[in-house]
Amino acid sequence: MFYMPGIKVDSDDGFDVALKRFRKQVERAGVISECRRREAYEKPSIARKHKEAAARKRLMKRLRRIRRREARDY
């Protein structure tokens, strides 16, 4: 599911640059968000409600885009 983020550091790279690149890789891999998600136990009923709410939010966003596209006057 996840790959282990890592970077190759050149001899001319500074520590700040390497750290910035590593942080960006960690963020792209979703490590931080996964840790926060697993930080506390979530009951299955609550997890299901969150999942349904996210699906509802995606649907409403998609509908807004479609309505905006249809309302355009070219």
C-alpha atoms as a PDB file:
ATOM      1  CA  MET A   1       0.000   0.000   0.000  1.00  0.00           C
ATOM      2  CA  PHE A   2       2.652   2.517   1.029  1.00  0.00           C
ATOM      3  CA  TYR A   3       6.238   2.682  -0.018  1.00  0.00           C
ATOM      4  CA  MET A   4       8.976   3.824   2.300  1.00  0.00           C
ATOM      5  CA  PRO A   5       9.917   7.400   1.408  1.00  0.00           C
ATOM      6  CA  GLY A   6      13.576   8.115   0.977  1.00  0.00           C
ATOM      7  CA  ILE A   7      15.894  10.423  -0.916  1.00  0.00           C
ATOM      8  CA  LYS A   8      19.378  10.221  -2.328  1.00  0.00           C
ATOM      9  CA  VAL A   9      21.568  12.988  -0.948  1.00  0.00           C
ATOM     10  CA  ASP A  10      24.322  14.385  -3.138  1.00  0.00           C
ATOM     11  CA  SER A  11      27.519  15.637  -1.597  1.00  0.00           C
ATOM     12  CA  ASP A  12      26.771  19.217  -2.689  1.00  0.00           C
ATOM     13  CA  ASP A  13      23.232  19.231  -1.192  1.00  0.00           C
ATOM     14  CA  GLY A  14      22.756  21.078   2.061  1.00  0.00           C
ATOM     15  CA  PHE A  15      20.920  19.579   5.012  1.00  0.00           C
ATOM     16  CA  ASP A  16      18.005  22.012   4.642  1.00  0.00           C
ATOM     17  CA  VAL A  17      17.470  21.065   0.993  1.00  0.00           C
ATOM     18  CA  ALA A  18      17.620  17.346   1.768  1.00  0.00           C
ATOM     19  CA  LEU A  19      15.194  17.721   4.682  1.00  0.00           C
ATOM     20  CA  LYS A  20      12.769  19.691   2.515  1.00  0.00           C
ATOM     21  CA  ARG A  21      12.874  17.011  -0.199  1.00  0.00           C
ATOM     22  CA  PHE A  22      12.341  14.262   2.383  1.00  0.00           C
ATOM     23  CA  ARG A  23       9.368  16.052   3.948  1.00  0.00           C
ATOM     24  CA  LYS A  24       7.805  16.480   0.522  1.00  0.00           C
ATOM     25  CA  GLN A  25       8.203  12.746  -0.178  1.00  0.00           C
ATOM     26  CA  VAL A  26       6.688  11.840   3.191  1.00  0.00           C
ATOM     27  CA  GLU A  27       3.736  14.138   2.491  1.00  0.00           C
ATOM     28  CA  ARG A  28       3.189  12.641  -0.981  1.00  0.00           C
ATOM     29  CA  ALA A  29       3.291   9.108   0.442  1.00  0.00           C
ATOM     30  CA  GLY A  30       0.602  10.032   2.972  1.00  0.00           C
ATOM     31  CA  VAL A  31       2.586   8.837   5.988  1.00  0.00           C
ATOM     32  CA  ILE A  32       1.562  11.709   8.272  1.00  0.00           C
ATOM     33  CA  SER A  33      -2.128  11.509   7.411  1.00  0.00           C
ATOM     34  CA  GLU A  34      -2.076   7.726   7.906  1.00  0.00           C
ATOM     35  CA  CYS A  35      -0.443   8.140  11.347  1.00  0.00           C
ATOM     36  CA  ARG A  36      -3.065  10.695  12.380  1.00  0.00           C
ATOM     37  CA  ARG A  37      -5.826   8.413  11.133  1.00  0.00           C
ATOM     38  CA  ARG A  38      -4.516   5.501  13.215  1.00  0.00           C
ATOM     39  CA  GLU A  39      -3.794   7.627  16.278  1.00  0.00           C
ATOM     40  CA  ALA A  40      -7.044   6.732  18.034  1.00  0.00           C
ATOM     41  CA  TYR A  41      -9.480   3.855  17.588  1.00  0.00           C
ATOM     42  CA  GLU A  42     -12.589   4.692  15.615  1.00  0.00           C
ATOM     43  CA  LYS A  43     -15.686   2.576  16.103  1.00  0.00           C
ATOM     44  CA  PRO A  44     -16.928   0.915  12.899  1.00  0.00           C
ATOM     45  CA  SER A  45     -20.225   2.813  13.057  1.00  0.00           C
ATOM     46  CA  ILE A  46     -18.382   6.155  13.253  1.00  0.00           C
ATOM     47  CA  ALA A  47     -16.023   5.111  10.456  1.00  0.00           C
ATOM     48  CA  ARG A  48     -19.029   4.234   8.292  1.00  0.00           C
ATOM     49  CA  LYS A  49     -20.598   7.642   8.974  1.00  0.00           C
ATOM     50  CA  HIS A  50     -17.361   9.416   8.035  1.00  0.00           C
ATOM     51  CA  LYS A  51     -17.129   7.374   4.844  1.00  0.00           C
ATOM     52  CA  GLU A  52     -20.726   8.185   3.888  1.00  0.00           C
ATOM     53  CA  ALA A  53     -20.205  11.879   4.632  1.00  0.00           C
ATOM     54  CA  ALA A  54     -17.093  11.933   2.432  1.00  0.00           C
ATOM     55  CA  ALA A  55     -19.005  10.239  -0.395  1.00  0.00           C
ATOM     56  CA  ARG A  56     -21.836  12.768  -0.023  1.00  0.00           C
ATOM     57  CA  LYS A  57     -19.336  15.627  -0.120  1.00  0.00           C
ATOM     58  CA  ARG A  58     -17.699  14.264  -3.298  1.00  0.00           C
ATOM     59  CA  LEU A  59     -21.109  13.868  -4.946  1.00  0.00           C
ATOM     60  CA  MET A  60     -22.155  17.429  -4.088  1.00  0.00           C
ATOM     61  CA  LYS A  61     -18.851  18.754  -5.396  1.00  0.00           C
ATOM     62  CA  ARG A  62     -19.334  16.858  -8.656  1.00  0.00           C
ATOM     63  CA  LEU A  63     -22.899  18.169  -8.995  1.00  0.00           C
ATOM     64  CA  ARG A  64     -21.731  21.746  -8.374  1.00  0.00           C
ATOM     65  CA  ARG A  65     -19.159  21.405 -11.157  1.00  0.00           C
ATOM     66  CA  ILE A  66     -21.759  20.003 -13.565  1.00  0.00           C
ATOM     67  CA  ARG A  67     -24.252  22.771 -12.750  1.00  0.00           C
ATOM     68  CA  ARG A  68     -21.566  25.430 -13.152  1.00  0.00           C
ATOM     69  CA  ARG A  69     -20.572  23.945 -16.505  1.00  0.00           C
ATOM     70  CA  GLU A  70     -24.197  23.868 -17.712  1.00  0.00           C
ATOM     71  CA  ALA A  71     -24.851  27.446 -16.572  1.00  0.00           C
ATOM     72  CA  ARG A  72     -22.050  28.925 -18.676  1.00  0.00           C
ATOM     73  CA  ASP A  73     -23.024  31.381 -21.413  1.00  0.00           C
ATOM     74  CA  TYR A  74     -20.668  31.126 -24.321  1.00  0.00           C
END
